[in-house]
Amino acid sequence: MLRFPRLFATALVLLVSVLGLGTLAGCGGPSAPVDPHAGHDHGAADDTAGEYAEALAGLAPADRELAEKQQICPVSEQPLGSMGTPVKVKVEGRDVLLCCAGCQQAIEADPQKYLAKLPD
């Protein structure tokens, strides 16, 4: 009688192990690069400049001025406002706007690569 539950438990552990390997790799082990924009829509065909402007309206006046100068997210190269109100980060002492919080890890990992894309 005890054999079936043990066999079932063993099979379940094996299944979870096989299916969970990719997920567990992110817990300290090597992992594939993660796309910070997976599942994000950076602007469907019907998005307009007015919708981007509306997203930028959520910024403080000084940050709106920065957004007008910067225009794009240096990580995704998408227009600021395409993902809602941009996220402000400080990178190497410089204020930078990103399209979304998903871009923060990339710019912090390789700041020179992305800062080079921005206007002075």
PDB file of N, CA and C in Angstrom:
ATOM      1  N   MET A   1       0.805  -1.196   0.000  1.00  0.00           N
ATOM      2  CA  MET A   1       0.000   0.000   0.000  1.00  0.00           C
ATOM      3  C   MET A   1       0.856   1.271   0.000  1.00  0.00           C
ATOM      4  N   LEU A   2       1.978   1.263   0.669  1.00  0.00           N
ATOM      5  CA  LEU A   2       2.823   2.442   0.749  1.00  0.00           C
ATOM      6  C   LEU A   2       3.614   2.691  -0.533  1.00  0.00           C
ATOM      7  N   ARG A   3       3.682   1.702  -1.382  1.00  0.00           N
ATOM      8  CA  ARG A   3       4.479   1.827  -2.587  1.00  0.00           C
ATOM      9  C   ARG A   3       3.931   2.910  -3.544  1.00  0.00           C
ATOM     10  N   PHE A   4       2.650   2.974  -3.760  1.00  0.00           N
ATOM     11  CA  PHE A   4       2.073   3.956  -4.680  1.00  0.00           C
ATOM     12  C   PHE A   4       2.348   5.397  -4.233  1.00  0.00           C
ATOM     13  N   PRO A   5       2.101   5.776  -2.971  1.00  0.00           N
ATOM     14  CA  PRO A   5       2.391   7.161  -2.579  1.00  0.00           C
ATOM     15  C   PRO A   5       3.874   7.507  -2.725  1.00  0.00           C
ATOM     16  N   ARG A   6       4.784   6.574  -2.427  1.00  0.00           N
ATOM     17  CA  ARG A   6       6.215   6.834  -2.589  1.00  0.00           C
ATOM     18  C   ARG A   6       6.566   7.034  -4.062  1.00  0.00           C
ATOM     19  N   LEU A   7       6.015   6.198  -4.912  1.00  0.00           N
ATOM     20  CA  LEU A   7       6.263   6.304  -6.344  1.00  0.00           C
ATOM     21  C   LEU A   7       5.711   7.626  -6.876  1.00  0.00           C
ATOM     22  N   PHE A   8       4.521   7.976  -6.433  1.00  0.00           N
ATOM     23  CA  PHE A   8       3.904   9.240  -6.843  1.00  0.00           C
ATOM     24  C   PHE A   8       4.752  10.419  -6.376  1.00  0.00           C
ATOM     25  N   ALA A   9       5.213  10.393  -5.142  1.00  0.00           N
ATOM     26  CA  ALA A   9       6.033  11.479  -4.595  1.00  0.00           C
ATOM     27  C   ALA A   9       7.346  11.603  -5.355  1.00  0.00           C
ATOM     28  N   THR A  10       7.952  10.482  -5.675  1.00  0.00           N
ATOM     29  CA  THR A  10       9.212  10.499  -6.429  1.00  0.00           C
ATOM     30  C   THR A  10       8.996  11.091  -7.821  1.00  0.00           C
ATOM     31  N   ALA A  11       7.933  10.682  -8.481  1.00  0.00           N
ATOM     32  CA  ALA A  11       7.630  11.210  -9.813  1.00  0.00           C
ATOM     33  C   ALA A  11       7.350  12.713  -9.742  1.00  0.00           C
ATOM     34  N   LEU A  12       6.654  13.146  -8.724  1.00  0.00           N
ATOM     35  CA  LEU A  12       6.341  14.560  -8.557  1.00  0.00           C
ATOM     36  C   LEU A  12       7.619  15.371  -8.335  1.00  0.00           C
ATOM     37  N   VAL A  13       8.507  14.878  -7.507  1.00  0.00           N
ATOM     38  CA  VAL A  13       9.773  15.569  -7.252  1.00  0.00           C
ATOM     39  C   VAL A  13      10.583  15.667  -8.546  1.00  0.00           C
ATOM     40  N   LEU A  14      10.624  14.588  -9.302  1.00  0.00           N
ATOM     41  CA  LEU A  14      11.341  14.605 -10.581  1.00  0.00           C
ATOM     42  C   LEU A  14      10.744  15.622 -11.543  1.00  0.00           C
ATOM     43  N   LEU A  15       9.442  15.651 -11.646  1.00  0.00           N
ATOM     44  CA  LEU A  15       8.766  16.582 -12.535  1.00  0.00           C
ATOM     45  C   LEU A  15       9.047  18.033 -12.136  1.00  0.00           C
ATOM     46  N   VAL A  16       8.920  18.312 -10.867  1.00  0.00           N
ATOM     47  CA  VAL A  16       9.178  19.669 -10.372  1.00  0.00           C
ATOM     48  C   VAL A  16      10.629  20.042 -10.618  1.00  0.00           C
ATOM     49  N   SER A  17      11.547  19.117 -10.420  1.00  0.00           N
ATOM     50  CA  SER A  17      12.963  19.397 -10.644  1.00  0.00           C
ATOM     51  C   SER A  17      13.243  19.719 -12.093  1.00  0.00           C
ATOM     52  N   VAL A  18      12.700  18.936 -12.994  1.00  0.00           N
ATOM     53  CA  VAL A  18      12.934  19.155 -14.418  1.00  0.00           C
ATOM     54  C   VAL A  18      12.309  20.465 -14.876  1.00  0.00           C
ATOM     55  N   LEU A  19      11.094  20.716 -14.492  1.00  0.00           N
ATOM     56  CA  LEU A  19      10.413  21.944 -14.917  1.00  0.00           C
ATOM     57  C   LEU A  19      10.968  23.179 -14.243  1.00  0.00           C
ATOM     58  N   GLY A  20      11.492  23.046 -13.057  1.00  0.00           N
ATOM     59  CA  GLY A  20      11.952  24.196 -12.296  1.00  0.00           C
ATOM     60  C   GLY A  20      13.400  24.569 -12.500  1.00  0.00           C
ATOM     61  N   LEU A  21      14.167  23.800 -13.279  1.00  0.00           N
ATOM     62  CA  LEU A  21      15.586  24.101 -13.429  1.00  0.00           C
ATOM     63  C   LEU A  21      15.839  25.501 -13.961  1.00  0.00           C
ATOM     64  N   GLY A  22      15.123  25.941 -14.971  1.00  0.00           N
ATOM     65  CA  GLY A  22      15.316  27.278 -15.523  1.00  0.00           C
ATOM     66  C   GLY A  22      14.994  28.348 -14.507  1.00  0.00           C
ATOM     67  N   THR A  23      13.982  28.129 -13.708  1.00  0.00           N
ATOM     68  CA  THR A  23      13.598  29.109 -12.701  1.00  0.00           C
ATOM     69  C   THR A  23      14.624  29.184 -11.596  1.00  0.00           C
ATOM     70  N   LEU A  24      15.139  28.030 -11.175  1.00  0.00           N
ATOM     71  CA  LEU A  24      16.089  28.007 -10.073  1.00  0.00           C
ATOM     72  C   LEU A  24      17.445  28.564 -10.464  1.00  0.00           C
ATOM     73  N   ALA A  25      17.769  28.590 -11.739  1.00  0.00           N
ATOM     74  CA  ALA A  25      19.067  29.091 -12.179  1.00  0.00           C
ATOM     75  C   ALA A  25      19.267  30.536 -11.756  1.00  0.00           C
ATOM     76  N   GLY A  26      18.199  31.302 -11.624  1.00  0.00           N
ATOM     77  CA  GLY A  26      18.311  32.696 -11.221  1.00  0.00           C
ATOM     78  C   GLY A  26      18.634  32.880  -9.758  1.00  0.00           C
ATOM     79  N   CYS A  27      18.611  31.824  -8.987  1.00  0.00           N
ATOM     80  CA  CYS A  27      18.867  31.916  -7.551  1.00  0.00           C
ATOM     81  C   CYS A  27      20.340  31.667  -7.251  1.00  0.00           C
ATOM     82  N   GLY A  28      21.217  32.443  -7.838  1.00  0.00           N
ATOM     83  CA  GLY A  28      22.632  32.318  -7.542  1.00  0.00           C
ATOM     84  C   GLY A  28      23.399  31.528  -8.579  1.00  0.00           C
ATOM     85  N   GLY A  29      22.714  30.782  -9.416  1.00  0.00           N
ATOM     86  CA  GLY A  29      23.387  29.998 -10.439  1.00  0.00           C
ATOM     87  C   GLY A  29      23.441  30.773 -11.738  1.00  0.00           C
ATOM     88  N   PRO A  30      24.121  30.201 -12.740  1.00  0.00           N
ATOM     89  CA  PRO A  30      24.169  30.900 -14.025  1.00  0.00           C
ATOM     90  C   PRO A  30      22.780  30.959 -14.645  1.00  0.00           C
ATOM     91  N   SER A  31      22.515  32.017 -15.346  1.00  0.00           N
ATOM     92  CA  SER A  31      21.210  32.144 -15.980  1.00  0.00           C
ATOM     93  C   SER A  31      21.347  32.880 -17.294  1.00  0.00           C
ATOM     94  N   ALA A  32      20.376  32.699 -18.128  1.00  0.00           N
ATOM     95  CA  ALA A  32      20.348  33.399 -19.406  1.00  0.00           C
ATOM     96  C   ALA A  32      19.956  34.842 -19.156  1.00  0.00           C
ATOM     97  N   PRO A  33      20.378  35.765 -20.035  1.00  0.00           N
ATOM     98  CA  PRO A  33      19.982  37.161 -19.877  1.00  0.00           C
ATOM     99  C   PRO A  33      18.464  37.289 -19.890  1.00  0.00           C
ATOM    100  N   VAL A  34      17.972  38.183 -19.067  1.00  0.00           N
ATOM    101  CA  VAL A  34      16.537  38.398 -18.970  1.00  0.00           C
ATOM    102  C   VAL A  34      16.187  39.679 -19.706  1.00  0.00           C
ATOM    103  N   ASP A  35      15.189  39.618 -20.558  1.00  0.00           N
ATOM    104  CA  ASP A  35      14.729  40.797 -21.269  1.00  0.00           C
ATOM    105  C   ASP A  35      13.839  41.595 -20.337  1.00  0.00           C
ATOM    106  N   PRO A  36      14.276  42.806 -19.929  1.00  0.00           N
ATOM    107  CA  PRO A  36      13.463  43.591 -18.995  1.00  0.00           C
ATOM    108  C   PRO A  36      12.143  44.051 -19.581  1.00  0.00           C
ATOM    109  N   HIS A  37      11.969  43.888 -20.888  1.00  0.00           N
ATOM    110  CA  HIS A  37      10.757  44.352 -21.536  1.00  0.00           C
ATOM    111  C   HIS A  37       9.825  43.223 -21.936  1.00  0.00           C
ATOM    112  N   ALA A  38      10.129  42.018 -21.499  1.00  0.00           N
ATOM    113  CA  ALA A  38       9.253  40.892 -21.825  1.00  0.00           C
ATOM    114  C   ALA A  38       7.859  41.191 -21.297  1.00  0.00           C
ATOM    115  N   GLY A  39       6.879  41.111 -22.139  1.00  0.00           N
ATOM    116  CA  GLY A  39       5.503  41.356 -21.732  1.00  0.00           C
ATOM    117  C   GLY A  39       5.099  42.821 -21.770  1.00  0.00           C
ATOM    118  N   HIS A  40       6.042  43.713 -22.071  1.00  0.00           N
ATOM    119  CA  HIS A  40       5.716  45.137 -22.146  1.00  0.00           C
ATOM    120  C   HIS A  40       5.359  45.495 -23.577  1.00  0.00           C
ATOM    121  N   ASP A  41       4.447  46.425 -23.729  1.00  0.00           N
ATOM    122  CA  ASP A  41       4.088  46.929 -25.049  1.00  0.00           C
ATOM    123  C   ASP A  41       4.590  48.360 -25.132  1.00  0.00           C
ATOM    124  N   HIS A  42       5.645  48.580 -25.882  1.00  0.00           N
ATOM    125  CA  HIS A  42       6.264  49.896 -25.981  1.00  0.00           C
ATOM    126  C   HIS A  42       5.605  50.798 -26.992  1.00  0.00           C
ATOM    127  N   GLY A  43       4.392  50.606 -27.210  1.00  0.00           N
ATOM    128  CA  GLY A  43       3.714  51.513 -28.121  1.00  0.00           C
ATOM    129  C   GLY A  43       3.073  50.747 -29.251  1.00  0.00           C
ATOM    130  N   ALA A  44       1.825  50.545 -29.124  1.00  0.00           N
ATOM    131  CA  ALA A  44       1.084  49.891 -30.198  1.00  0.00           C
ATOM    132  C   ALA A  44       0.959  50.871 -31.352  1.00  0.00           C
ATOM    133  N   ALA A  45       0.535  50.404 -32.482  1.00  0.00           N
ATOM    134  CA  ALA A  45       0.447  51.236 -33.676  1.00  0.00           C
ATOM    135  C   ALA A  45      -0.477  52.441 -33.475  1.00  0.00           C
ATOM    136  N   ASP A  46      -1.436  52.345 -32.549  1.00  0.00           N
ATOM    137  CA  ASP A  46      -2.377  53.454 -32.382  1.00  0.00           C
ATOM    138  C   ASP A  46      -1.931  54.458 -31.312  1.00  0.00           C
ATOM    139  N   ASP A  47      -0.737  54.288 -30.718  1.00  0.00           N
ATOM    140  CA  ASP A  47      -0.237  55.261 -29.754  1.00  0.00           C
ATOM    141  C   ASP A  47       0.088  56.558 -30.486  1.00  0.00           C
ATOM    142  N   THR A  48      -0.142  57.676 -29.815  1.00  0.00           N
ATOM    143  CA  THR A  48       0.125  58.971 -30.422  1.00  0.00           C
ATOM    144  C   THR A  48       1.067  59.766 -29.546  1.00  0.00           C
ATOM    145  N   ALA A  49       1.609  60.829 -30.103  1.00  0.00           N
ATOM    146  CA  ALA A  49       2.469  61.721 -29.342  1.00  0.00           C
ATOM    147  C   ALA A  49       1.704  62.308 -28.158  1.00  0.00           C
ATOM    148  N   GLY A  50       0.406  62.486 -28.314  1.00  0.00           N
ATOM    149  CA  GLY A  50      -0.415  63.017 -27.224  1.00  0.00           C
ATOM    150  C   GLY A  50      -0.444  62.093 -26.019  1.00  0.00           C
ATOM    151  N   GLU A  51      -0.468  60.782 -26.276  1.00  0.00           N
ATOM    152  CA  GLU A  51      -0.446  59.825 -25.168  1.00  0.00           C
ATOM    153  C   GLU A  51       0.902  59.853 -24.455  1.00  0.00           C
ATOM    154  N   TYR A  52       1.990  60.019 -25.215  1.00  0.00           N
ATOM    155  CA  TYR A  52       3.310  60.113 -24.602  1.00  0.00           C
ATOM    156  C   TYR A  52       3.395  61.387 -23.767  1.00  0.00           C
ATOM    157  N   ALA A  53       2.858  62.485 -24.308  1.00  0.00           N
ATOM    158  CA  ALA A  53       2.873  63.749 -23.582  1.00  0.00           C
ATOM    159  C   ALA A  53       2.088  63.641 -22.284  1.00  0.00           C
ATOM    160  N   GLU A  54       0.996  62.903 -22.329  1.00  0.00           N
ATOM    161  CA  GLU A  54       0.195  62.691 -21.128  1.00  0.00           C
ATOM    162  C   GLU A  54       1.004  61.931 -20.072  1.00  0.00           C
ATOM    163  N   ALA A  55       1.773  60.944 -20.498  1.00  0.00           N
ATOM    164  CA  ALA A  55       2.610  60.182 -19.571  1.00  0.00           C
ATOM    165  C   ALA A  55       3.698  61.070 -18.979  1.00  0.00           C
ATOM    166  N   LEU A  56       4.247  61.979 -19.776  1.00  0.00           N
ATOM    167  CA  LEU A  56       5.291  62.879 -19.296  1.00  0.00           C
ATOM    168  C   LEU A  56       4.733  63.941 -18.355  1.00  0.00           C
ATOM    169  N   ALA A  57       3.437  64.200 -18.432  1.00  0.00           N
ATOM    170  CA  ALA A  57       2.808  65.192 -17.557  1.00  0.00           C
ATOM    171  C   ALA A  57       2.901  64.784 -16.091  1.00  0.00           C
ATOM    172  N   GLY A  58       3.130  63.507 -15.827  1.00  0.00           N
ATOM    173  CA  GLY A  58       3.273  63.027 -14.454  1.00  0.00           C
ATOM    174  C   GLY A  58       4.620  63.352 -13.836  1.00  0.00           C
ATOM    175  N   LEU A  59       5.518  63.945 -14.613  1.00  0.00           N
ATOM    176  CA  LEU A  59       6.847  64.293 -14.117  1.00  0.00           C
ATOM    177  C   LEU A  59       6.864  65.695 -13.518  1.00  0.00           C
ATOM    178  N   ALA A  60       7.814  65.931 -12.635  1.00  0.00           N
ATOM    179  CA  ALA A  60       8.053  67.279 -12.112  1.00  0.00           C
ATOM    180  C   ALA A  60       8.526  68.144 -13.279  1.00  0.00           C
ATOM    181  N   PRO A  61       8.327  69.482 -13.216  1.00  0.00           N
ATOM    182  CA  PRO A  61       8.712  70.353 -14.332  1.00  0.00           C
ATOM    183  C   PRO A  61      10.167  70.177 -14.797  1.00  0.00           C
ATOM    184  N   ALA A  62      11.113  70.058 -13.879  1.00  0.00           N
ATOM    185  CA  ALA A  62      12.520  69.882 -14.257  1.00  0.00           C
ATOM    186  C   ALA A  62      12.727  68.544 -14.978  1.00  0.00           C
ATOM    187  N   ASP A  63      12.000  67.521 -14.534  1.00  0.00           N
ATOM    188  CA  ASP A  63      12.120  66.212 -15.171  1.00  0.00           C
ATOM    189  C   ASP A  63      11.447  66.199 -16.548  1.00  0.00           C
ATOM    190  N   ARG A  64      10.368  66.958 -16.713  1.00  0.00           N
ATOM    191  CA  ARG A  64       9.741  67.086 -18.034  1.00  0.00           C
ATOM    192  C   ARG A  64      10.719  67.730 -19.010  1.00  0.00           C
ATOM    193  N   GLU A  65      11.446  68.734 -18.521  1.00  0.00           N
ATOM    194  CA  GLU A  65      12.453  69.398 -19.353  1.00  0.00           C
ATOM    195  C   GLU A  65      13.546  68.391 -19.765  1.00  0.00           C
ATOM    196  N   LEU A  66      13.971  67.558 -18.813  1.00  0.00           N
ATOM    197  CA  LEU A  66      14.959  66.523 -19.110  1.00  0.00           C
ATOM    198  C   LEU A  66      14.406  65.533 -20.134  1.00  0.00           C
ATOM    199  N   ALA A  67      13.141  65.160 -19.994  1.00  0.00           N
ATOM    200  CA  ALA A  67      12.514  64.216 -20.921  1.00  0.00           C
ATOM    201  C   ALA A  67      12.456  64.799 -22.333  1.00  0.00           C
ATOM    202  N   GLU A  68      12.157  66.083 -22.452  1.00  0.00           N
ATOM    203  CA  GLU A  68      12.109  66.724 -23.759  1.00  0.00           C
ATOM    204  C   GLU A  68      13.481  66.748 -24.411  1.00  0.00           C
ATOM    205  N   LYS A  69      14.528  66.912 -23.603  1.00  0.00           N
ATOM    206  CA  LYS A  69      15.886  66.918 -24.128  1.00  0.00           C
ATOM    207  C   LYS A  69      16.342  65.499 -24.474  1.00  0.00           C
ATOM    208  N   GLN A  70      16.064  64.556 -23.606  1.00  0.00           N
ATOM    209  CA  GLN A  70      16.535  63.179 -23.769  1.00  0.00           C
ATOM    210  C   GLN A  70      15.730  62.423 -24.822  1.00  0.00           C
ATOM    211  N   GLN A  71      14.435  62.533 -24.825  1.00  0.00           N
ATOM    212  CA  GLN A  71      13.476  61.979 -25.778  1.00  0.00           C
ATOM    213  C   GLN A  71      13.337  60.451 -25.769  1.00  0.00           C
ATOM    214  N   ILE A  72      14.417  59.708 -25.661  1.00  0.00           N
ATOM    215  CA  ILE A  72      14.322  58.245 -25.705  1.00  0.00           C
ATOM    216  C   ILE A  72      14.909  57.616 -24.446  1.00  0.00           C
ATOM    217  N   CYS A  73      14.517  56.397 -24.193  1.00  0.00           N
ATOM    218  CA  CYS A  73      15.126  55.591 -23.135  1.00  0.00           C
ATOM    219  C   CYS A  73      16.438  55.062 -23.711  1.00  0.00           C
ATOM    220  N   PRO A  74      17.565  55.274 -23.048  1.00  0.00           N
ATOM    221  CA  PRO A  74      18.830  54.806 -23.614  1.00  0.00           C
ATOM    222  C   PRO A  74      18.954  53.284 -23.653  1.00  0.00           C
ATOM    223  N   VAL A  75      18.170  52.574 -22.873  1.00  0.00           N
ATOM    224  CA  VAL A  75      18.245  51.116 -22.845  1.00  0.00           C
ATOM    225  C   VAL A  75      17.385  50.514 -23.949  1.00  0.00           C
ATOM    226  N   SER A  76      16.103  50.866 -23.971  1.00  0.00           N
ATOM    227  CA  SER A  76      15.185  50.276 -24.954  1.00  0.00           C
ATOM    228  C   SER A  76      15.167  51.026 -26.273  1.00  0.00           C
ATOM    229  N   GLU A  77      15.664  52.263 -26.255  1.00  0.00           N
ATOM    230  CA  GLU A  77      15.627  53.165 -27.410  1.00  0.00           C
ATOM    231  C   GLU A  77      14.203  53.468 -27.860  1.00  0.00           C
ATOM    232  N   GLN A  78      13.266  53.389 -26.928  1.00  0.00           N
ATOM    233  CA  GLN A  78      11.863  53.714 -27.177  1.00  0.00           C
ATOM    234  C   GLN A  78      11.592  55.121 -26.663  1.00  0.00           C
ATOM    235  N   PRO A  79      10.581  55.798 -27.189  1.00  0.00           N
ATOM    236  CA  PRO A  79      10.258  57.150 -26.720  1.00  0.00           C
ATOM    237  C   PRO A  79       9.893  57.145 -25.236  1.00  0.00           C
ATOM    238  N   LEU A  80      10.378  58.150 -24.525  1.00  0.00           N
ATOM    239  CA  LEU A  80       9.966  58.302 -23.135  1.00  0.00           C
ATOM    240  C   LEU A  80       8.470  58.575 -23.122  1.00  0.00           C
ATOM    241  N   GLY A  81       7.761  57.894 -22.258  1.00  0.00           N
ATOM    242  CA  GLY A  81       6.317  58.002 -22.200  1.00  0.00           C
ATOM    243  C   GLY A  81       5.627  56.822 -22.856  1.00  0.00           C
ATOM    244  N   SER A  82       6.383  55.990 -23.577  1.00  0.00           N
ATOM    245  CA  SER A  82       5.780  54.843 -24.251  1.00  0.00           C
ATOM    246  C   SER A  82       5.354  53.754 -23.272  1.00  0.00           C
ATOM    247  N   MET A  83       5.844  53.818 -22.060  1.00  0.00           N
ATOM    248  CA  MET A  83       5.477  52.844 -21.027  1.00  0.00           C
ATOM    249  C   MET A  83       4.850  53.541 -19.825  1.00  0.00           C
ATOM    250  N   GLY A  84       4.288  54.701 -20.034  1.00  0.00           N
ATOM    251  CA  GLY A  84       3.735  55.468 -18.927  1.00  0.00           C
ATOM    252  C   GLY A  84       4.766  56.483 -18.455  1.00  0.00           C
ATOM    253  N   THR A  85       4.590  56.968 -17.241  1.00  0.00           N
ATOM    254  CA  THR A  85       5.498  57.974 -16.699  1.00  0.00           C
ATOM    255  C   THR A  85       6.899  57.388 -16.569  1.00  0.00           C
ATOM    256  N   PRO A  86       7.914  58.045 -17.152  1.00  0.00           N
ATOM    257  CA  PRO A  86       9.285  57.532 -17.081  1.00  0.00           C
ATOM    258  C   PRO A  86       9.798  57.430 -15.641  1.00  0.00           C
ATOM    259  N   VAL A  87      10.804  56.587 -15.482  1.00  0.00           N
ATOM    260  CA  VAL A  87      11.442  56.357 -14.192  1.00  0.00           C
ATOM    261  C   VAL A  87      12.766  57.112 -14.181  1.00  0.00           C
ATOM    262  N   LYS A  88      12.989  57.900 -13.141  1.00  0.00           N
ATOM    263  CA  LYS A  88      14.223  58.684 -13.041  1.00  0.00           C
ATOM    264  C   LYS A  88      15.226  57.932 -12.169  1.00  0.00           C
ATOM    265  N   VAL A  89      16.461  57.807 -12.683  1.00  0.00           N
ATOM    266  CA  VAL A  89      17.546  57.182 -11.923  1.00  0.00           C
ATOM    267  C   VAL A  89      18.773  58.083 -12.010  1.00  0.00           C
ATOM    268  N   LYS A  90      19.669  57.908 -11.066  1.00  0.00           N
ATOM    269  CA  LYS A  90      20.929  58.637 -11.099  1.00  0.00           C
ATOM    270  C   LYS A  90      22.008  57.630 -11.457  1.00  0.00           C
ATOM    271  N   VAL A  91      22.707  57.908 -12.553  1.00  0.00           N
ATOM    272  CA  VAL A  91      23.739  57.007 -13.050  1.00  0.00           C
ATOM    273  C   VAL A  91      25.035  57.804 -13.171  1.00  0.00           C
ATOM    274  N   GLU A  92      26.032  57.389 -12.416  1.00  0.00           N
ATOM    275  CA  GLU A  92      27.320  58.073 -12.405  1.00  0.00           C
ATOM    276  C   GLU A  92      27.146  59.579 -12.206  1.00  0.00           C
ATOM    277  N   GLY A  93      26.276  59.941 -11.273  1.00  0.00           N
ATOM    278  CA  GLY A  93      26.046  61.337 -10.926  1.00  0.00           C
ATOM    279  C   GLY A  93      25.152  62.095 -11.889  1.00  0.00           C
ATOM    280  N   ARG A  94      24.594  61.419 -12.858  1.00  0.00           N
ATOM    281  CA  ARG A  94      23.753  62.074 -13.869  1.00  0.00           C
ATOM    282  C   ARG A  94      22.327  61.560 -13.778  1.00  0.00           C
ATOM    283  N   ASP A  95      21.362  62.464 -13.825  1.00  0.00           N
ATOM    284  CA  ASP A  95      19.958  62.073 -13.851  1.00  0.00           C
ATOM    285  C   ASP A  95      19.617  61.551 -15.246  1.00  0.00           C
ATOM    286  N   VAL A  96      18.973  60.391 -15.276  1.00  0.00           N
ATOM    287  CA  VAL A  96      18.591  59.757 -16.536  1.00  0.00           C
ATOM    288  C   VAL A  96      17.154  59.275 -16.397  1.00  0.00           C
ATOM    289  N   LEU A  97      16.378  59.451 -17.436  1.00  0.00           N
ATOM    290  CA  LEU A  97      15.013  58.932 -17.462  1.00  0.00           C
ATOM    291  C   LEU A  97      14.990  57.641 -18.271  1.00  0.00           C
ATOM    292  N   LEU A  98      14.254  56.665 -17.766  1.00  0.00           N
ATOM    293  CA  LEU A  98      14.097  55.375 -18.422  1.00  0.00           C
ATOM    294  C   LEU A  98      12.623  55.164 -18.723  1.00  0.00           C
ATOM    295  N   CYS A  99      12.328  54.367 -19.734  1.00  0.00           N
ATOM    296  CA  CYS A  99      10.935  54.130 -20.096  1.00  0.00           C
ATOM    297  C   CYS A  99      10.191  53.363 -19.010  1.00  0.00           C
ATOM    298  N   CYS A 100      10.913  52.493 -18.284  1.00  0.00           N
ATOM    299  CA  CYS A 100      10.273  51.700 -17.234  1.00  0.00           C
ATOM    300  C   CYS A 100      11.329  51.204 -16.252  1.00  0.00           C
ATOM    301  N   ALA A 101      10.899  50.720 -15.121  1.00  0.00           N
ATOM    302  CA  ALA A 101      11.813  50.217 -14.091  1.00  0.00           C
ATOM    303  C   ALA A 101      12.613  49.010 -14.571  1.00  0.00           C
ATOM    304  N   GLY A 102      12.107  48.295 -15.575  1.00  0.00           N
ATOM    305  CA  GLY A 102      12.816  47.133 -16.106  1.00  0.00           C
ATOM    306  C   GLY A 102      14.152  47.483 -16.740  1.00  0.00           C
ATOM    307  N   CYS A 103      14.372  48.735 -17.107  1.00  0.00           N
ATOM    308  CA  CYS A 103      15.622  49.151 -17.748  1.00  0.00           C
ATOM    309  C   CYS A 103      16.712  49.511 -16.733  1.00  0.00           C
ATOM    310  N   GLN A 104      16.349  49.662 -15.493  1.00  0.00           N
ATOM    311  CA  GLN A 104      17.303  50.129 -14.493  1.00  0.00           C
ATOM    312  C   GLN A 104      18.478  49.173 -14.316  1.00  0.00           C
ATOM    313  N   GLN A 105      18.220  47.899 -14.262  1.00  0.00           N
ATOM    314  CA  GLN A 105      19.288  46.925 -14.059  1.00  0.00           C
ATOM    315  C   GLN A 105      20.315  46.989 -15.198  1.00  0.00           C
ATOM    316  N   ALA A 106      19.855  47.132 -16.415  1.00  0.00           N
ATOM    317  CA  ALA A 106      20.758  47.174 -17.569  1.00  0.00           C
ATOM    318  C   ALA A 106      21.663  48.396 -17.526  1.00  0.00           C
ATOM    319  N   ILE A 107      21.100  49.566 -17.213  1.00  0.00           N
ATOM    320  CA  ILE A 107      21.923  50.784 -17.212  1.00  0.00           C
ATOM    321  C   ILE A 107      22.898  50.779 -16.042  1.00  0.00           C
ATOM    322  N   GLU A 108      22.514  50.176 -14.941  1.00  0.00           N
ATOM    323  CA  GLU A 108      23.431  50.090 -13.796  1.00  0.00           C
ATOM    324  C   GLU A 108      24.547  49.086 -14.066  1.00  0.00           C
ATOM    325  N   ALA A 109      24.284  48.059 -14.859  1.00  0.00           N
ATOM    326  CA  ALA A 109      25.290  47.051 -15.163  1.00  0.00           C
ATOM    327  C   ALA A 109      26.339  47.561 -16.157  1.00  0.00           C
ATOM    328  N   ASP A 110      25.950  48.429 -17.079  1.00  0.00           N
ATOM    329  CA  ASP A 110      26.869  48.937 -18.101  1.00  0.00           C
ATOM    330  C   ASP A 110      26.549  50.404 -18.395  1.00  0.00           C
ATOM    331  N   PRO A 111      26.808  51.293 -17.423  1.00  0.00           N
ATOM    332  CA  PRO A 111      26.389  52.693 -17.578  1.00  0.00           C
ATOM    333  C   PRO A 111      26.991  53.401 -18.789  1.00  0.00           C
ATOM    334  N   GLN A 112      28.250  53.172 -19.096  1.00  0.00           N
ATOM    335  CA  GLN A 112      28.886  53.879 -20.214  1.00  0.00           C
ATOM    336  C   GLN A 112      28.223  53.553 -21.549  1.00  0.00           C
ATOM    337  N   LYS A 113      27.819  52.312 -21.714  1.00  0.00           N
ATOM    338  CA  LYS A 113      27.156  51.894 -22.959  1.00  0.00           C
ATOM    339  C   LYS A 113      25.904  52.721 -23.206  1.00  0.00           C
ATOM    340  N   TYR A 114      25.124  52.947 -22.160  1.00  0.00           N
ATOM    341  CA  TYR A 114      23.847  53.626 -22.313  1.00  0.00           C
ATOM    342  C   TYR A 114      23.980  55.148 -22.197  1.00  0.00           C
ATOM    343  N   LEU A 115      24.877  55.631 -21.361  1.00  0.00           N
ATOM    344  CA  LEU A 115      25.062  57.081 -21.257  1.00  0.00           C
ATOM    345  C   LEU A 115      25.571  57.664 -22.574  1.00  0.00           C
ATOM    346  N   ALA A 116      26.316  56.868 -23.331  1.00  0.00           N
ATOM    347  CA  ALA A 116      26.847  57.342 -24.626  1.00  0.00           C
ATOM    348  C   ALA A 116      25.733  57.612 -25.631  1.00  0.00           C
ATOM    349  N   LYS A 117      24.563  57.061 -25.417  1.00  0.00           N
ATOM    350  CA  LYS A 117      23.430  57.245 -26.337  1.00  0.00           C
ATOM    351  C   LYS A 117      22.662  58.538 -26.075  1.00  0.00           C
ATOM    352  N   LEU A 118      22.965  59.194 -24.961  1.00  0.00           N
ATOM    353  CA  LEU A 118      22.202  60.381 -24.557  1.00  0.00           C
ATOM    354  C   LEU A 118      22.860  61.664 -25.026  1.00  0.00           C
ATOM    355  N   PRO A 119      22.051  62.710 -25.239  1.00  0.00           N
ATOM    356  CA  PRO A 119      22.634  64.019 -25.574  1.00  0.00           C
ATOM    357  C   PRO A 119      23.383  64.572 -24.368  1.00  0.00           C
ATOM    358  N   ASP A 120      24.357  65.422 -24.627  1.00  0.00           N
ATOM    359  CA  ASP A 120      25.152  66.005 -23.519  1.00  0.00           C
ATOM    360  C   ASP A 120      24.332  66.874 -22.617  1.00  0.00           C
TER     361      ASP A 120
END
